[in-house]
Amino acid sequence: MEELKNKNTEPSKFMKWFKRVGWAGLIFFTVKGLVWLAIFYFGADALQSCF
């Protein structure tokens, strides 16, 4: 019974990662993802206009 109690009070892996990386890391990875989406979107459009 005590094992379940301790297991529920431990922070999740995501929360441990988030505390380590912080807001700066979250913003960095969000912007990085948006930049890649823009590259693929506009890159595909540029390739299509070439043919």
PDB file of N, CA and C in Angstrom:
ATOM      1  N   MET A   1       0.826  -1.185   0.000  1.00  0.00           N
ATOM      2  CA  MET A   1       0.000   0.000   0.000  1.00  0.00           C
ATOM      3  C   MET A   1       0.873   1.253   0.000  1.00  0.00           C
ATOM      4  N   GLU A   2       1.957   1.212   0.735  1.00  0.00           N
ATOM      5  CA  GLU A   2       2.838   2.377   0.826  1.00  0.00           C
ATOM      6  C   GLU A   2       3.550   2.639  -0.498  1.00  0.00           C
ATOM      7  N   GLU A   3       3.830   1.568  -1.261  1.00  0.00           N
ATOM      8  CA  GLU A   3       4.473   1.743  -2.558  1.00  0.00           C
ATOM      9  C   GLU A   3       3.589   2.539  -3.509  1.00  0.00           C
ATOM     10  N   LEU A   4       2.295   2.274  -3.503  1.00  0.00           N
ATOM     11  CA  LEU A   4       1.377   3.015  -4.357  1.00  0.00           C
ATOM     12  C   LEU A   4       1.316   4.481  -3.954  1.00  0.00           C
ATOM     13  N   LYS A   5       1.355   4.725  -2.674  1.00  0.00           N
ATOM     14  CA  LYS A   5       1.304   6.093  -2.172  1.00  0.00           C
ATOM     15  C   LYS A   5       2.527   6.884  -2.626  1.00  0.00           C
ATOM     16  N   ASN A   6       3.701   6.290  -2.539  1.00  0.00           N
ATOM     17  CA  ASN A   6       4.927   6.948  -2.967  1.00  0.00           C
ATOM     18  C   ASN A   6       4.967   7.132  -4.478  1.00  0.00           C
ATOM     19  N   LYS A   7       4.439   6.179  -5.201  1.00  0.00           N
ATOM     20  CA  LYS A   7       4.460   6.244  -6.657  1.00  0.00           C
ATOM     21  C   LYS A   7       3.588   7.395  -7.164  1.00  0.00           C
ATOM     22  N   ASN A   8       2.469   7.630  -6.540  1.00  0.00           N
ATOM     23  CA  ASN A   8       1.561   8.688  -6.969  1.00  0.00           C
ATOM     24  C   ASN A   8       2.086  10.075  -6.638  1.00  0.00           C
ATOM     25  N   THR A   9       2.935  10.198  -5.641  1.00  0.00           N
ATOM     26  CA  THR A   9       3.436  11.508  -5.259  1.00  0.00           C
ATOM     27  C   THR A   9       4.690  11.904  -6.033  1.00  0.00           C
ATOM     28  N   GLU A  10       5.321  10.959  -6.723  1.00  0.00           N
ATOM     29  CA  GLU A  10       6.505  11.276  -7.511  1.00  0.00           C
ATOM     30  C   GLU A  10       6.106  12.063  -8.758  1.00  0.00           C
ATOM     31  N   PRO A  11       6.882  13.094  -9.113  1.00  0.00           N
ATOM     32  CA  PRO A  11       6.556  13.838 -10.342  1.00  0.00           C
ATOM     33  C   PRO A  11       6.798  12.971 -11.576  1.00  0.00           C
ATOM     34  N   SER A  12       6.034  13.224 -12.616  1.00  0.00           N
ATOM     35  CA  SER A  12       6.161  12.443 -13.840  1.00  0.00           C
ATOM     36  C   SER A  12       7.475  12.775 -14.550  1.00  0.00           C
ATOM     37  N   LYS A  13       7.829  11.963 -15.522  1.00  0.00           N
ATOM     38  CA  LYS A  13       9.060  12.187 -16.285  1.00  0.00           C
ATOM     39  C   LYS A  13       8.994  13.509 -17.037  1.00  0.00           C
ATOM     40  N   PHE A  14       7.786  13.845 -17.533  1.00  0.00           N
ATOM     41  CA  PHE A  14       7.625  15.100 -18.255  1.00  0.00           C
ATOM     42  C   PHE A  14       7.877  16.291 -17.340  1.00  0.00           C
ATOM     43  N   MET A  15       7.358  16.230 -16.127  1.00  0.00           N
ATOM     44  CA  MET A  15       7.541  17.352 -15.200  1.00  0.00           C
ATOM     45  C   MET A  15       9.004  17.487 -14.789  1.00  0.00           C
ATOM     46  N   LYS A  16       9.697  16.372 -14.616  1.00  0.00           N
ATOM     47  CA  LYS A  16      11.131  16.436 -14.304  1.00  0.00           C
ATOM     48  C   LYS A  16      11.887  17.084 -15.458  1.00  0.00           C
ATOM     49  N   TRP A  17      11.559  16.699 -16.690  1.00  0.00           N
ATOM     50  CA  TRP A  17      12.211  17.267 -17.867  1.00  0.00           C
ATOM     51  C   TRP A  17      11.882  18.744 -17.989  1.00  0.00           C
ATOM     52  N   PHE A  18      10.616  19.094 -17.771  1.00  0.00           N
ATOM     53  CA  PHE A  18      10.188  20.480 -17.909  1.00  0.00           C
ATOM     54  C   PHE A  18      10.874  21.377 -16.881  1.00  0.00           C
ATOM     55  N   LYS A  19      11.017  20.901 -15.661  1.00  0.00           N
ATOM     56  CA  LYS A  19      11.707  21.698 -14.635  1.00  0.00           C
ATOM     57  C   LYS A  19      13.175  21.881 -14.984  1.00  0.00           C
ATOM     58  N   ARG A  20      13.775  20.890 -15.593  1.00  0.00           N
ATOM     59  CA  ARG A  20      15.185  20.972 -15.953  1.00  0.00           C
ATOM     60  C   ARG A  20      15.395  21.931 -17.128  1.00  0.00           C
ATOM     61  N   VAL A  21      14.555  21.842 -18.128  1.00  0.00           N
ATOM     62  CA  VAL A  21      14.716  22.655 -19.329  1.00  0.00           C
ATOM     63  C   VAL A  21      14.136  24.052 -19.130  1.00  0.00           C
ATOM     64  N   GLY A  22      12.968  24.123 -18.528  1.00  0.00           N
ATOM     65  CA  GLY A  22      12.364  25.411 -18.234  1.00  0.00           C
ATOM     66  C   GLY A  22      11.639  26.036 -19.409  1.00  0.00           C
ATOM     67  N   TRP A  23      11.207  27.268 -19.182  1.00  0.00           N
ATOM     68  CA  TRP A  23      10.432  27.989 -20.194  1.00  0.00           C
ATOM     69  C   TRP A  23      11.256  28.278 -21.432  1.00  0.00           C
ATOM     70  N   ALA A  24      12.531  28.575 -21.260  1.00  0.00           N
ATOM     71  CA  ALA A  24      13.377  28.894 -22.417  1.00  0.00           C
ATOM     72  C   ALA A  24      13.451  27.701 -23.370  1.00  0.00           C
ATOM     73  N   GLY A  25      13.586  26.518 -22.831  1.00  0.00           N
ATOM     74  CA  GLY A  25      13.623  25.320 -23.668  1.00  0.00           C
ATOM     75  C   GLY A  25      12.307  25.067 -24.371  1.00  0.00           C
ATOM     76  N   LEU A  26      11.204  25.289 -23.663  1.00  0.00           N
ATOM     77  CA  LEU A  26       9.891  25.098 -24.273  1.00  0.00           C
ATOM     78  C   LEU A  26       9.689  26.068 -25.433  1.00  0.00           C
ATOM     79  N   ILE A  27      10.040  27.320 -25.233  1.00  0.00           N
ATOM     80  CA  ILE A  27       9.909  28.318 -26.298  1.00  0.00           C
ATOM     81  C   ILE A  27      10.834  27.981 -27.455  1.00  0.00           C
ATOM     82  N   PHE A  28      12.072  27.572 -27.160  1.00  0.00           N
ATOM     83  CA  PHE A  28      13.029  27.220 -28.208  1.00  0.00           C
ATOM     84  C   PHE A  28      12.499  26.100 -29.090  1.00  0.00           C
ATOM     85  N   PHE A  29      12.026  25.020 -28.477  1.00  0.00           N
ATOM     86  CA  PHE A  29      11.571  23.875 -29.262  1.00  0.00           C
ATOM     87  C   PHE A  29      10.278  24.188 -30.011  1.00  0.00           C
ATOM     88  N   THR A  30       9.426  25.044 -29.456  1.00  0.00           N
ATOM     89  CA  THR A  30       8.211  25.444 -30.160  1.00  0.00           C
ATOM     90  C   THR A  30       8.552  26.259 -31.400  1.00  0.00           C
ATOM     91  N   VAL A  31       9.444  27.227 -31.247  1.00  0.00           N
ATOM     92  CA  VAL A  31       9.847  28.050 -32.385  1.00  0.00           C
ATOM     93  C   VAL A  31      10.567  27.206 -33.428  1.00  0.00           C
ATOM     94  N   LYS A  32      11.410  26.304 -32.969  1.00  0.00           N
ATOM     95  CA  LYS A  32      12.127  25.422 -33.888  1.00  0.00           C
ATOM     96  C   LYS A  32      11.144  24.590 -34.717  1.00  0.00           C
ATOM     97  N   GLY A  33      10.119  24.060 -34.091  1.00  0.00           N
ATOM     98  CA  GLY A  33       9.122  23.283 -34.799  1.00  0.00           C
ATOM     99  C   GLY A  33       8.357  24.124 -35.810  1.00  0.00           C
ATOM    100  N   LEU A  34       8.008  25.345 -35.427  1.00  0.00           N
ATOM    101  CA  LEU A  34       7.290  26.226 -36.353  1.00  0.00           C
ATOM    102  C   LEU A  34       8.157  26.601 -37.543  1.00  0.00           C
ATOM    103  N   VAL A  35       9.446  26.804 -37.310  1.00  0.00           N
ATOM    104  CA  VAL A  35      10.359  27.125 -38.413  1.00  0.00           C
ATOM    105  C   VAL A  35      10.437  25.954 -39.384  1.00  0.00           C
ATOM    106  N   TRP A  36      10.535  24.740 -38.875  1.00  0.00           N
ATOM    107  CA  TRP A  36      10.588  23.574 -39.759  1.00  0.00           C
ATOM    108  C   TRP A  36       9.297  23.423 -40.556  1.00  0.00           C
ATOM    109  N   LEU A  37       8.157  23.686 -39.919  1.00  0.00           N
ATOM    110  CA  LEU A  37       6.893  23.612 -40.649  1.00  0.00           C
ATOM    111  C   LEU A  37       6.861  24.647 -41.772  1.00  0.00           C
ATOM    112  N   ALA A  38       7.351  25.840 -41.508  1.00  0.00           N
ATOM    113  CA  ALA A  38       7.383  26.883 -42.535  1.00  0.00           C
ATOM    114  C   ALA A  38       8.325  26.496 -43.668  1.00  0.00           C
ATOM    115  N   ILE A  39       9.464  25.910 -43.333  1.00  0.00           N
ATOM    116  CA  ILE A  39      10.418  25.487 -44.365  1.00  0.00           C
ATOM    117  C   ILE A  39       9.783  24.435 -45.271  1.00  0.00           C
ATOM    118  N   PHE A  40       9.112  23.451 -44.677  1.00  0.00           N
ATOM    119  CA  PHE A  40       8.478  22.413 -45.495  1.00  0.00           C
ATOM    120  C   PHE A  40       7.332  22.978 -46.321  1.00  0.00           C
ATOM    121  N   TYR A  41       6.548  23.882 -45.745  1.00  0.00           N
ATOM    122  CA  TYR A  41       5.404  24.444 -46.465  1.00  0.00           C
ATOM    123  C   TYR A  41       5.854  25.296 -47.641  1.00  0.00           C
ATOM    124  N   PHE A  42       6.756  26.238 -47.377  1.00  0.00           N
ATOM    125  CA  PHE A  42       7.205  27.127 -48.446  1.00  0.00           C
ATOM    126  C   PHE A  42       8.184  26.442 -49.382  1.00  0.00           C
ATOM    127  N   GLY A  43       8.927  25.473 -48.875  1.00  0.00           N
ATOM    128  CA  GLY A  43       9.840  24.714 -49.722  1.00  0.00           C
ATOM    129  C   GLY A  43       9.098  23.875 -50.737  1.00  0.00           C
ATOM    130  N   ALA A  44       8.009  23.241 -50.309  1.00  0.00           N
ATOM    131  CA  ALA A  44       7.198  22.435 -51.222  1.00  0.00           C
ATOM    132  C   ALA A  44       6.544  23.333 -52.268  1.00  0.00           C
ATOM    133  N   ASP A  45       6.118  24.519 -51.859  1.00  0.00           N
ATOM    134  CA  ASP A  45       5.508  25.459 -52.797  1.00  0.00           C
ATOM    135  C   ASP A  45       6.534  25.924 -53.821  1.00  0.00           C
ATOM    136  N   ALA A  46       7.748  26.180 -53.378  1.00  0.00           N
ATOM    137  CA  ALA A  46       8.806  26.634 -54.300  1.00  0.00           C
ATOM    138  C   ALA A  46       9.173  25.522 -55.279  1.00  0.00           C
ATOM    139  N   LEU A  47       9.234  24.274 -54.825  1.00  0.00           N
ATOM    140  CA  LEU A  47       9.553  23.157 -55.707  1.00  0.00           C
ATOM    141  C   LEU A  47       8.440  22.932 -56.719  1.00  0.00           C
ATOM    142  N   GLN A  48       7.201  23.117 -56.315  1.00  0.00           N
ATOM    143  CA  GLN A  48       6.083  22.897 -57.222  1.00  0.00           C
ATOM    144  C   GLN A  48       6.065  23.943 -58.327  1.00  0.00           C
ATOM    145  N   SER A  49       6.470  25.161 -58.024  1.00  0.00           N
ATOM    146  CA  SER A  49       6.468  26.213 -59.039  1.00  0.00           C
ATOM    147  C   SER A  49       7.619  26.034 -60.036  1.00  0.00           C
ATOM    148  N   CYS A  50       8.613  25.240 -59.696  1.00  0.00           N
ATOM    149  CA  CYS A  50       9.732  25.002 -60.608  1.00  0.00           C
ATOM    150  C   CYS A  50       9.355  24.057 -61.740  1.00  0.00           C
ATOM    151  N   PHE A  51       8.386  23.184 -61.502  1.00  0.00           N
ATOM    152  CA  PHE A  51       8.043  22.182 -62.506  1.00  0.00           C
ATOM    153  C   PHE A  51       6.898  22.616 -63.337  1.00  0.00           C
TER     154      PHE A  51
END
